[in-house]
């Protein structure tokens, strides 16, 4: 594992309809956080439950949008449109200043 891999965050964002306002807001908020606080060192997979709702049960998704941070460990889940940047940063253990 390289130094860049250790610093890179891996996210999955579960939405219900990629073009829905709440989905678009969550995607934009996550991209802003990634650029402003992670220097772009993140990968994001967007999973639209409209395409396969059974994924929600398999992945235990109980609310949407749901952000799952897979890396670095531990795996964490965050719910909603991700507009509360300070709360998200705190949950991710990222210093804002």
PDB file of N, CA and C in Angstrom:
ATOM      1  N   UNK A   1       0.847  -1.178   0.000  1.00  0.00           N
ATOM      2  CA  UNK A   1       0.000   0.000   0.000  1.00  0.00           C
ATOM      3  C   UNK A   1       0.893   1.242   0.000  1.00  0.00           C
ATOM      4  N   UNK A   2       0.639   2.161  -0.910  1.00  0.00           N
ATOM      5  CA  UNK A   2       1.445   3.369  -1.013  1.00  0.00           C
ATOM      6  C   UNK A   2       0.946   4.425  -0.037  1.00  0.00           C
ATOM      7  N   UNK A   3       1.735   5.462   0.127  1.00  0.00           N
ATOM      8  CA  UNK A   3       1.335   6.581   0.988  1.00  0.00           C
ATOM      9  C   UNK A   3       0.023   7.181   0.483  1.00  0.00           C
ATOM     10  N   UNK A   4      -0.116   7.331  -0.841  1.00  0.00           N
ATOM     11  CA  UNK A   4      -1.338   7.896  -1.402  1.00  0.00           C
ATOM     12  C   UNK A   4      -2.555   7.042  -1.071  1.00  0.00           C
ATOM     13  N   UNK A   5      -2.407   5.708  -1.074  1.00  0.00           N
ATOM     14  CA  UNK A   5      -3.514   4.822  -0.738  1.00  0.00           C
ATOM     15  C   UNK A   5      -3.959   5.020   0.699  1.00  0.00           C
ATOM     16  N   UNK A   6      -3.013   5.203   1.610  1.00  0.00           N
ATOM     17  CA  UNK A   6      -3.361   5.385   3.023  1.00  0.00           C
ATOM     18  C   UNK A   6      -4.139   6.671   3.247  1.00  0.00           C
ATOM     19  N   UNK A   7      -3.870   7.698   2.455  1.00  0.00           N
ATOM     20  CA  UNK A   7      -4.529   8.985   2.632  1.00  0.00           C
ATOM     21  C   UNK A   7      -5.830   9.084   1.842  1.00  0.00           C
ATOM     22  N   UNK A   8      -6.101   8.157   0.979  1.00  0.00           N
ATOM     23  CA  UNK A   8      -7.270   8.211   0.110  1.00  0.00           C
ATOM     24  C   UNK A   8      -8.498   7.651   0.830  1.00  0.00           C
ATOM     25  N   UNK A   9      -9.578   8.364   0.757  1.00  0.00           N
ATOM     26  CA  UNK A   9     -10.844   7.914   1.325  1.00  0.00           C
ATOM     27  C   UNK A   9     -11.639   7.202   0.242  1.00  0.00           C
ATOM     28  N   UNK A  10     -12.369   6.168   0.630  1.00  0.00           N
ATOM     29  CA  UNK A  10     -13.236   5.441  -0.290  1.00  0.00           C
ATOM     30  C   UNK A  10     -14.661   5.525   0.259  1.00  0.00           C
ATOM     31  N   UNK A  11     -15.537   6.104  -0.556  1.00  0.00           N
ATOM     32  CA  UNK A  11     -16.927   6.327  -0.177  1.00  0.00           C
ATOM     33  C   UNK A  11     -17.873   5.625  -1.140  1.00  0.00           C
ATOM     34  N   UNK A  12     -19.024   5.209  -0.588  1.00  0.00           N
ATOM     35  CA  UNK A  12     -20.170   4.778  -1.383  1.00  0.00           C
ATOM     36  C   UNK A  12     -21.343   5.643  -0.948  1.00  0.00           C
ATOM     37  N   UNK A  13     -22.039   6.218  -1.898  1.00  0.00           N
ATOM     38  CA  UNK A  13     -23.196   7.048  -1.595  1.00  0.00           C
ATOM     39  C   UNK A  13     -24.432   6.388  -2.187  1.00  0.00           C
ATOM     40  N   UNK A  14     -25.359   6.030  -1.322  1.00  0.00           N
ATOM     41  CA  UNK A  14     -26.611   5.401  -1.744  1.00  0.00           C
ATOM     42  C   UNK A  14     -27.677   6.484  -1.879  1.00  0.00           C
ATOM     43  N   UNK A  15     -28.294   6.546  -3.060  1.00  0.00           N
ATOM     44  CA  UNK A  15     -29.341   7.522  -3.335  1.00  0.00           C
ATOM     45  C   UNK A  15     -30.543   6.791  -3.929  1.00  0.00           C
ATOM     46  N   UNK A  16     -31.651   7.480  -3.990  1.00  0.00           N
ATOM     47  CA  UNK A  16     -32.851   6.951  -4.650  1.00  0.00           C
ATOM     48  C   UNK A  16     -33.220   7.945  -5.740  1.00  0.00           C
ATOM     49  N   UNK A  17     -32.660   7.718  -6.924  1.00  0.00           N
ATOM     50  CA  UNK A  17     -32.844   8.648  -8.041  1.00  0.00           C
ATOM     51  C   UNK A  17     -31.711   9.660  -8.079  1.00  0.00           C
ATOM     52  N   UNK A  18     -30.792   9.484  -8.999  1.00  0.00           N
ATOM     53  CA  UNK A  18     -29.615  10.367  -9.091  1.00  0.00           C
ATOM     54  C   UNK A  18     -29.979  11.814  -9.352  1.00  0.00           C
ATOM     55  N   UNK A  19     -31.100  12.053  -9.977  1.00  0.00           N
ATOM     56  CA  UNK A  19     -31.485  13.416 -10.337  1.00  0.00           C
ATOM     57  C   UNK A  19     -32.449  14.054  -9.336  1.00  0.00           C
ATOM     58  N   UNK A  20     -32.750  13.344  -8.273  1.00  0.00           N
ATOM     59  CA  UNK A  20     -33.624  13.907  -7.238  1.00  0.00           C
ATOM     60  C   UNK A  20     -32.868  15.000  -6.487  1.00  0.00           C
ATOM     61  N   UNK A  21     -33.565  16.056  -6.063  1.00  0.00           N
ATOM     62  CA  UNK A  21     -32.896  17.183  -5.397  1.00  0.00           C
ATOM     63  C   UNK A  21     -32.027  16.777  -4.196  1.00  0.00           C
ATOM     64  N   UNK A  22     -32.535  15.908  -3.337  1.00  0.00           N
ATOM     65  CA  UNK A  22     -31.758  15.514  -2.159  1.00  0.00           C
ATOM     66  C   UNK A  22     -30.513  14.714  -2.556  1.00  0.00           C
ATOM     67  N   UNK A  23     -30.637  13.898  -3.589  1.00  0.00           N
ATOM     68  CA  UNK A  23     -29.496  13.132  -4.085  1.00  0.00           C
ATOM     69  C   UNK A  23     -28.447  14.063  -4.664  1.00  0.00           C
ATOM     70  N   UNK A  24     -28.884  14.998  -5.502  1.00  0.00           N
ATOM     71  CA  UNK A  24     -27.957  15.952  -6.109  1.00  0.00           C
ATOM     72  C   UNK A  24     -27.242  16.780  -5.048  1.00  0.00           C
ATOM     73  N   UNK A  25     -27.972  17.190  -4.015  1.00  0.00           N
ATOM     74  CA  UNK A  25     -27.374  17.974  -2.942  1.00  0.00           C
ATOM     75  C   UNK A  25     -26.321  17.162  -2.191  1.00  0.00           C
ATOM     76  N   UNK A  26     -26.629  15.912  -1.888  1.00  0.00           N
ATOM     77  CA  UNK A  26     -25.664  15.058  -1.188  1.00  0.00           C
ATOM     78  C   UNK A  26     -24.408  14.848  -2.033  1.00  0.00           C
ATOM     79  N   UNK A  27     -24.587  14.626  -3.323  1.00  0.00           N
ATOM     80  CA  UNK A  27     -23.448  14.429  -4.219  1.00  0.00           C
ATOM     81  C   UNK A  27     -22.593  15.692  -4.259  1.00  0.00           C
ATOM     82  N   UNK A  28     -23.224  16.827  -4.433  1.00  0.00           N
ATOM     83  CA  UNK A  28     -22.485  18.099  -4.487  1.00  0.00           C
ATOM     84  C   UNK A  28     -21.776  18.379  -3.167  1.00  0.00           C
ATOM     85  N   UNK A  29     -22.457  18.164  -2.050  1.00  0.00           N
ATOM     86  CA  UNK A  29     -21.836  18.408  -0.742  1.00  0.00           C
ATOM     87  C   UNK A  29     -20.630  17.503  -0.525  1.00  0.00           C
ATOM     88  N   UNK A  30     -20.728  16.265  -0.948  1.00  0.00           N
ATOM     89  CA  UNK A  30     -19.600  15.349  -0.781  1.00  0.00           C
ATOM     90  C   UNK A  30     -18.433  15.748  -1.680  1.00  0.00           C
ATOM     91  N   UNK A  31     -18.738  16.156  -2.915  1.00  0.00           N
ATOM     92  CA  UNK A  31     -17.662  16.618  -3.802  1.00  0.00           C
ATOM     93  C   UNK A  31     -16.972  17.861  -3.218  1.00  0.00           C
ATOM     94  N   UNK A  32     -17.749  18.775  -2.663  1.00  0.00           N
ATOM     95  CA  UNK A  32     -17.173  19.975  -2.045  1.00  0.00           C
ATOM     96  C   UNK A  32     -16.278  19.610  -0.869  1.00  0.00           C
ATOM     97  N   UNK A  33     -16.752  18.713  -0.018  1.00  0.00           N
ATOM     98  CA  UNK A  33     -15.949  18.255   1.119  1.00  0.00           C
ATOM     99  C   UNK A  33     -14.660  17.599   0.620  1.00  0.00           C
ATOM    100  N   UNK A  34     -14.781  16.772  -0.402  1.00  0.00           N
ATOM    101  CA  UNK A  34     -13.618  16.083  -0.956  1.00  0.00           C
ATOM    102  C   UNK A  34     -12.578  17.033  -1.508  1.00  0.00           C
ATOM    103  N   UNK A  35     -13.028  18.070  -2.175  1.00  0.00           N
ATOM    104  CA  UNK A  35     -12.092  19.046  -2.734  1.00  0.00           C
ATOM    105  C   UNK A  35     -11.508  19.958  -1.658  1.00  0.00           C
ATOM    106  N   UNK A  36     -12.361  20.411  -0.742  1.00  0.00           N
ATOM    107  CA  UNK A  36     -11.923  21.387   0.261  1.00  0.00           C
ATOM    108  C   UNK A  36     -11.119  20.793   1.407  1.00  0.00           C
ATOM    109  N   UNK A  37     -11.394  19.546   1.782  1.00  0.00           N
ATOM    110  CA  UNK A  37     -10.765  18.980   2.979  1.00  0.00           C
ATOM    111  C   UNK A  37      -9.932  17.726   2.719  1.00  0.00           C
ATOM    112  N   UNK A  38     -10.137  17.092   1.575  1.00  0.00           N
ATOM    113  CA  UNK A  38      -9.397  15.864   1.283  1.00  0.00           C
ATOM    114  C   UNK A  38      -8.459  16.032   0.088  1.00  0.00           C
ATOM    115  N   UNK A  39      -8.333  17.256  -0.389  1.00  0.00           N
ATOM    116  CA  UNK A  39      -7.465  17.557  -1.541  1.00  0.00           C
ATOM    117  C   UNK A  39      -7.749  16.637  -2.726  1.00  0.00           C
ATOM    118  N   UNK A  40      -9.011  16.243  -2.880  1.00  0.00           N
ATOM    119  CA  UNK A  40      -9.385  15.373  -3.990  1.00  0.00           C
ATOM    120  C   UNK A  40      -8.970  13.921  -3.820  1.00  0.00           C
ATOM    121  N   UNK A  41      -8.404  13.583  -2.657  1.00  0.00           N
ATOM    122  CA  UNK A  41      -7.929  12.209  -2.410  1.00  0.00           C
ATOM    123  C   UNK A  41      -9.067  11.316  -1.921  1.00  0.00           C
ATOM    124  N   UNK A  42     -10.030  11.089  -2.800  1.00  0.00           N
ATOM    125  CA  UNK A  42     -11.147  10.220  -2.447  1.00  0.00           C
ATOM    126  C   UNK A  42     -11.711   9.584  -3.707  1.00  0.00           C
ATOM    127  N   UNK A  43     -12.297   8.421  -3.526  1.00  0.00           N
ATOM    128  CA  UNK A  43     -13.039   7.741  -4.586  1.00  0.00           C
ATOM    129  C   UNK A  43     -14.486   7.681  -4.142  1.00  0.00           C
ATOM    130  N   UNK A  44     -15.386   7.904  -5.069  1.00  0.00           N
ATOM    131  CA  UNK A  44     -16.807   7.892  -4.758  1.00  0.00           C
ATOM    132  C   UNK A  44     -17.542   7.012  -5.749  1.00  0.00           C
ATOM    133  N   UNK A  45     -18.273   6.052  -5.204  1.00  0.00           N
ATOM    134  CA  UNK A  45     -19.177   5.226  -6.001  1.00  0.00           C
ATOM    135  C   UNK A  45     -20.590   5.621  -5.608  1.00  0.00           C
ATOM    136  N   UNK A  46     -21.392   5.988  -6.585  1.00  0.00           N
ATOM    137  CA  UNK A  46     -22.784   6.359  -6.328  1.00  0.00           C
ATOM    138  C   UNK A  46     -23.658   5.181  -6.731  1.00  0.00           C
ATOM    139  N   UNK A  47     -24.453   4.707  -5.779  1.00  0.00           N
ATOM    140  CA  UNK A  47     -25.343   3.573  -6.019  1.00  0.00           C
ATOM    141  C   UNK A  47     -26.778   4.082  -5.977  1.00  0.00           C
ATOM    142  N   UNK A  48     -27.465   3.981  -7.104  1.00  0.00           N
ATOM    143  CA  UNK A  48     -28.844   4.433  -7.209  1.00  0.00           C
ATOM    144  C   UNK A  48     -29.762   3.250  -6.921  1.00  0.00           C
ATOM    145  N   UNK A  49     -30.459   3.314  -5.819  1.00  0.00           N
ATOM    146  CA  UNK A  49     -31.348   2.231  -5.414  1.00  0.00           C
ATOM    147  C   UNK A  49     -32.552   2.098  -6.344  1.00  0.00           C
ATOM    148  N   UNK A  50     -32.807   3.119  -7.169  1.00  0.00           N
ATOM    149  CA  UNK A  50     -33.845   3.002  -8.195  1.00  0.00           C
ATOM    150  C   UNK A  50     -33.515   1.883  -9.175  1.00  0.00           C
ATOM    151  N   UNK A  51     -32.226   1.618  -9.356  1.00  0.00           N
ATOM    152  CA  UNK A  51     -31.797   0.592 -10.305  1.00  0.00           C
ATOM    153  C   UNK A  51     -31.918  -0.816  -9.722  1.00  0.00           C
ATOM    154  N   UNK A  52     -31.787  -0.946  -8.403  1.00  0.00           N
ATOM    155  CA  UNK A  52     -31.909  -2.265  -7.756  1.00  0.00           C
ATOM    156  C   UNK A  52     -32.164  -2.049  -6.270  1.00  0.00           C
ATOM    157  N   UNK A  53     -33.419  -2.006  -5.894  1.00  0.00           N
ATOM    158  CA  UNK A  53     -33.801  -1.712  -4.510  1.00  0.00           C
ATOM    159  C   UNK A  53     -33.350  -2.802  -3.546  1.00  0.00           C
ATOM    160  N   UNK A  54     -33.122  -4.022  -4.039  1.00  0.00           N
ATOM    161  CA  UNK A  54     -32.691  -5.104  -3.146  1.00  0.00           C
ATOM    162  C   UNK A  54     -31.326  -4.818  -2.517  1.00  0.00           C
ATOM    163  N   UNK A  55     -30.546  -3.945  -3.137  1.00  0.00           N
ATOM    164  CA  UNK A  55     -29.243  -3.558  -2.581  1.00  0.00           C
ATOM    165  C   UNK A  55     -29.434  -2.920  -1.203  1.00  0.00           C
ATOM    166  N   UNK A  56     -30.528  -2.206  -1.017  1.00  0.00           N
ATOM    167  CA  UNK A  56     -30.793  -1.547   0.266  1.00  0.00           C
ATOM    168  C   UNK A  56     -30.844  -2.562   1.395  1.00  0.00           C
ATOM    169  N   UNK A  57     -31.506  -3.674   1.171  1.00  0.00           N
ATOM    170  CA  UNK A  57     -31.590  -4.705   2.202  1.00  0.00           C
ATOM    171  C   UNK A  57     -30.241  -5.391   2.403  1.00  0.00           C
ATOM    172  N   UNK A  58     -29.605  -5.733   1.304  1.00  0.00           N
ATOM    173  CA  UNK A  58     -28.314  -6.413   1.368  1.00  0.00           C
ATOM    174  C   UNK A  58     -27.275  -5.582   2.112  1.00  0.00           C
ATOM    175  N   UNK A  59     -27.262  -4.282   1.849  1.00  0.00           N
ATOM    176  CA  UNK A  59     -26.270  -3.383   2.451  1.00  0.00           C
ATOM    177  C   UNK A  59     -26.768  -2.715   3.741  1.00  0.00           C
ATOM    178  N   UNK A  60     -27.970  -3.090   4.149  1.00  0.00           N
ATOM    179  CA  UNK A  60     -28.579  -2.541   5.366  1.00  0.00           C
ATOM    180  C   UNK A  60     -28.690  -1.015   5.340  1.00  0.00           C
ATOM    181  N   UNK A  61     -29.202  -0.522   4.232  1.00  0.00           N
ATOM    182  CA  UNK A  61     -29.433   0.902   4.057  1.00  0.00           C
ATOM    183  C   UNK A  61     -30.851   1.193   4.538  1.00  0.00           C
ATOM    184  N   UNK A  62     -30.962   2.005   5.569  1.00  0.00           N
ATOM    185  CA  UNK A  62     -32.264   2.271   6.177  1.00  0.00           C
ATOM    186  C   UNK A  62     -32.765   3.689   5.919  1.00  0.00           C
ATOM    187  N   UNK A  63     -31.919   4.548   5.383  1.00  0.00           N
ATOM    188  CA  UNK A  63     -32.292   5.922   5.067  1.00  0.00           C
ATOM    189  C   UNK A  63     -31.514   6.334   3.822  1.00  0.00           C
ATOM    190  N   UNK A  64     -32.070   7.303   3.107  1.00  0.00           N
ATOM    191  CA  UNK A  64     -31.353   7.801   1.935  1.00  0.00           C
ATOM    192  C   UNK A  64     -31.393   9.324   1.926  1.00  0.00           C
ATOM    193  N   UNK A  65     -30.367   9.947   1.421  1.00  0.00           N
ATOM    194  CA  UNK A  65     -29.089   9.381   1.042  1.00  0.00           C
ATOM    195  C   UNK A  65     -28.324   8.823   2.247  1.00  0.00           C
ATOM    196  N   UNK A  66     -27.509   7.808   1.997  1.00  0.00           N
ATOM    197  CA  UNK A  66     -26.608   7.242   2.995  1.00  0.00           C
ATOM    198  C   UNK A  66     -25.200   7.224   2.413  1.00  0.00           C
ATOM    199  N   UNK A  67     -24.269   7.800   3.156  1.00  0.00           N
ATOM    200  CA  UNK A  67     -22.869   7.769   2.778  1.00  0.00           C
ATOM    201  C   UNK A  67     -22.170   6.708   3.620  1.00  0.00           C
ATOM    202  N   UNK A  68     -21.450   5.816   2.965  1.00  0.00           N
ATOM    203  CA  UNK A  68     -20.665   4.803   3.663  1.00  0.00           C
ATOM    204  C   UNK A  68     -19.196   5.096   3.392  1.00  0.00           C
ATOM    205  N   UNK A  69     -18.430   5.253   4.459  1.00  0.00           N
ATOM    206  CA  UNK A  69     -16.982   5.405   4.328  1.00  0.00           C
ATOM    207  C   UNK A  69     -16.389   4.028   4.550  1.00  0.00           C
ATOM    208  N   UNK A  70     -15.797   3.483   3.496  1.00  0.00           N
ATOM    209  CA  UNK A  70     -15.195   2.154   3.583  1.00  0.00           C
ATOM    210  C   UNK A  70     -13.733   2.214   3.996  1.00  0.00           C
ATOM    211  N   UNK A  71     -13.046   3.279   3.634  1.00  0.00           N
ATOM    212  CA  UNK A  71     -11.621   3.388   3.927  1.00  0.00           C
ATOM    213  C   UNK A  71     -11.292   4.839   4.183  1.00  0.00           C
ATOM    214  N   UNK A  72     -10.472   5.146   5.146  1.00  0.00           N
ATOM    215  CA  UNK A  72      -9.792   4.247   6.072  1.00  0.00           C
ATOM    216  C   UNK A  72     -10.765   3.683   7.107  1.00  0.00           C
ATOM    217  N   UNK A  73     -10.386   2.540   7.689  1.00  0.00           N
ATOM    218  CA  UNK A  73     -11.245   1.917   8.695  1.00  0.00           C
ATOM    219  C   UNK A  73     -11.391   2.819   9.913  1.00  0.00           C
ATOM    220  N   UNK A  74     -12.427   2.661  10.673  1.00  0.00           N
ATOM    221  CA  UNK A  74     -13.513   1.689  10.518  1.00  0.00           C
ATOM    222  C   UNK A  74     -14.549   2.183   9.512  1.00  0.00           C
ATOM    223  N   UNK A  75     -15.356   1.263   8.996  1.00  0.00           N
ATOM    224  CA  UNK A  75     -16.468   1.626   8.123  1.00  0.00           C
ATOM    225  C   UNK A  75     -17.455   2.455   8.935  1.00  0.00           C
ATOM    226  N   UNK A  76     -17.955   3.527   8.315  1.00  0.00           N
ATOM    227  CA  UNK A  76     -18.918   4.405   8.991  1.00  0.00           C
ATOM    228  C   UNK A  76     -20.048   4.744   8.033  1.00  0.00           C
ATOM    229  N   UNK A  77     -21.215   5.082   8.586  1.00  0.00           N
ATOM    230  CA  UNK A  77     -22.361   5.521   7.792  1.00  0.00           C
ATOM    231  C   UNK A  77     -22.797   6.902   8.261  1.00  0.00           C
ATOM    232  N   UNK A  78     -23.175   7.721   7.287  1.00  0.00           N
ATOM    233  CA  UNK A  78     -23.702   9.058   7.540  1.00  0.00           C
ATOM    234  C   UNK A  78     -24.977   9.194   6.721  1.00  0.00           C
ATOM    235  N   UNK A  79     -25.965   9.867   7.285  1.00  0.00           N
ATOM    236  CA  UNK A  79     -27.277   9.935   6.661  1.00  0.00           C
ATOM    237  C   UNK A  79     -27.654  11.372   6.327  1.00  0.00           C
ATOM    238  N   UNK A  80     -28.419  11.528   5.259  1.00  0.00           N
ATOM    239  CA  UNK A  80     -28.940  12.835   4.894  1.00  0.00           C
ATOM    240  C   UNK A  80     -28.185  13.443   3.726  1.00  0.00           C
ATOM    241  N   UNK A  81     -28.386  14.748   3.533  1.00  0.00           N
ATOM    242  CA  UNK A  81     -27.835  15.414   2.357  1.00  0.00           C
ATOM    243  C   UNK A  81     -26.392  15.896   2.544  1.00  0.00           C
ATOM    244  N   UNK A  82     -25.794  15.588   3.703  1.00  0.00           N
ATOM    245  CA  UNK A  82     -24.384  15.882   3.993  1.00  0.00           C
ATOM    246  C   UNK A  82     -24.094  17.382   4.027  1.00  0.00           C
ATOM    247  N   UNK A  83     -25.108  18.183   4.343  1.00  0.00           N
ATOM    248  CA  UNK A  83     -24.921  19.629   4.353  1.00  0.00           C
ATOM    249  C   UNK A  83     -24.284  20.143   5.639  1.00  0.00           C
ATOM    250  N   UNK A  84     -24.283  19.351   6.698  1.00  0.00           N
ATOM    251  CA  UNK A  84     -23.651  19.760   7.956  1.00  0.00           C
ATOM    252  C   UNK A  84     -22.172  19.365   7.910  1.00  0.00           C
ATOM    253  N   UNK A  85     -21.390  20.211   7.258  1.00  0.00           N
ATOM    254  CA  UNK A  85     -19.979  19.910   7.015  1.00  0.00           C
ATOM    255  C   UNK A  85     -19.209  19.678   8.301  1.00  0.00           C
ATOM    256  N   UNK A  86     -19.431  20.513   9.309  1.00  0.00           N
ATOM    257  CA  UNK A  86     -18.652  20.366  10.552  1.00  0.00           C
ATOM    258  C   UNK A  86     -18.949  19.027  11.226  1.00  0.00           C
ATOM    259  N   UNK A  87     -20.192  18.602  11.205  1.00  0.00           N
ATOM    260  CA  UNK A  87     -20.544  17.308  11.798  1.00  0.00           C
ATOM    261  C   UNK A  87     -19.929  16.158  11.008  1.00  0.00           C
ATOM    262  N   UNK A  88     -19.957  16.250   9.689  1.00  0.00           N
ATOM    263  CA  UNK A  88     -19.378  15.236   8.839  1.00  0.00           C
ATOM    264  C   UNK A  88     -17.862  15.153   9.037  1.00  0.00           C
ATOM    265  N   UNK A  89     -17.215  16.306   9.073  1.00  0.00           N
ATOM    266  CA  UNK A  89     -15.766  16.337   9.312  1.00  0.00           C
ATOM    267  C   UNK A  89     -15.418  15.710  10.658  1.00  0.00           C
ATOM    268  N   UNK A  90     -16.184  16.054  11.672  1.00  0.00           N
ATOM    269  CA  UNK A  90     -15.948  15.484  13.005  1.00  0.00           C
ATOM    270  C   UNK A  90     -16.130  13.971  12.964  1.00  0.00           C
ATOM    271  N   UNK A  91     -17.184  13.498  12.321  1.00  0.00           N
ATOM    272  CA  UNK A  91     -17.431  12.069  12.228  1.00  0.00           C
ATOM    273  C   UNK A  91     -16.333  11.330  11.477  1.00  0.00           C
ATOM    274  N   UNK A  92     -15.751  11.991  10.487  1.00  0.00           N
ATOM    275  CA  UNK A  92     -14.684  11.394   9.697  1.00  0.00           C
ATOM    276  C   UNK A  92     -13.311  11.558  10.359  1.00  0.00           C
ATOM    277  N   UNK A  93     -13.256  12.377  11.420  1.00  0.00           N
ATOM    278  CA  UNK A  93     -11.993  12.603  12.093  1.00  0.00           C
ATOM    279  C   UNK A  93     -11.054  13.520  11.319  1.00  0.00           C
ATOM    280  N   UNK A  94     -11.647  14.453  10.558  1.00  0.00           N
ATOM    281  CA  UNK A  94     -10.869  15.375   9.746  1.00  0.00           C
ATOM    282  C   UNK A  94     -10.888  16.744  10.403  1.00  0.00           C
ATOM    283  N   UNK A  95      -9.722  17.317  10.580  1.00  0.00           N
ATOM    284  CA  UNK A  95      -9.629  18.672  11.154  1.00  0.00           C
ATOM    285  C   UNK A  95      -9.989  19.689  10.093  1.00  0.00           C
ATOM    286  N   UNK A  96     -10.796  20.653  10.481  1.00  0.00           N
ATOM    287  CA  UNK A  96     -11.233  21.657   9.517  1.00  0.00           C
ATOM    288  C   UNK A  96     -10.323  22.878   9.467  1.00  0.00           C
ATOM    289  N   UNK A  97      -9.374  22.962  10.359  1.00  0.00           N
ATOM    290  CA  UNK A  97      -8.542  24.155  10.374  1.00  0.00           C
ATOM    291  C   UNK A  97      -7.123  23.935  10.317  1.00  0.00           C
TER     292      UNK A  97
END
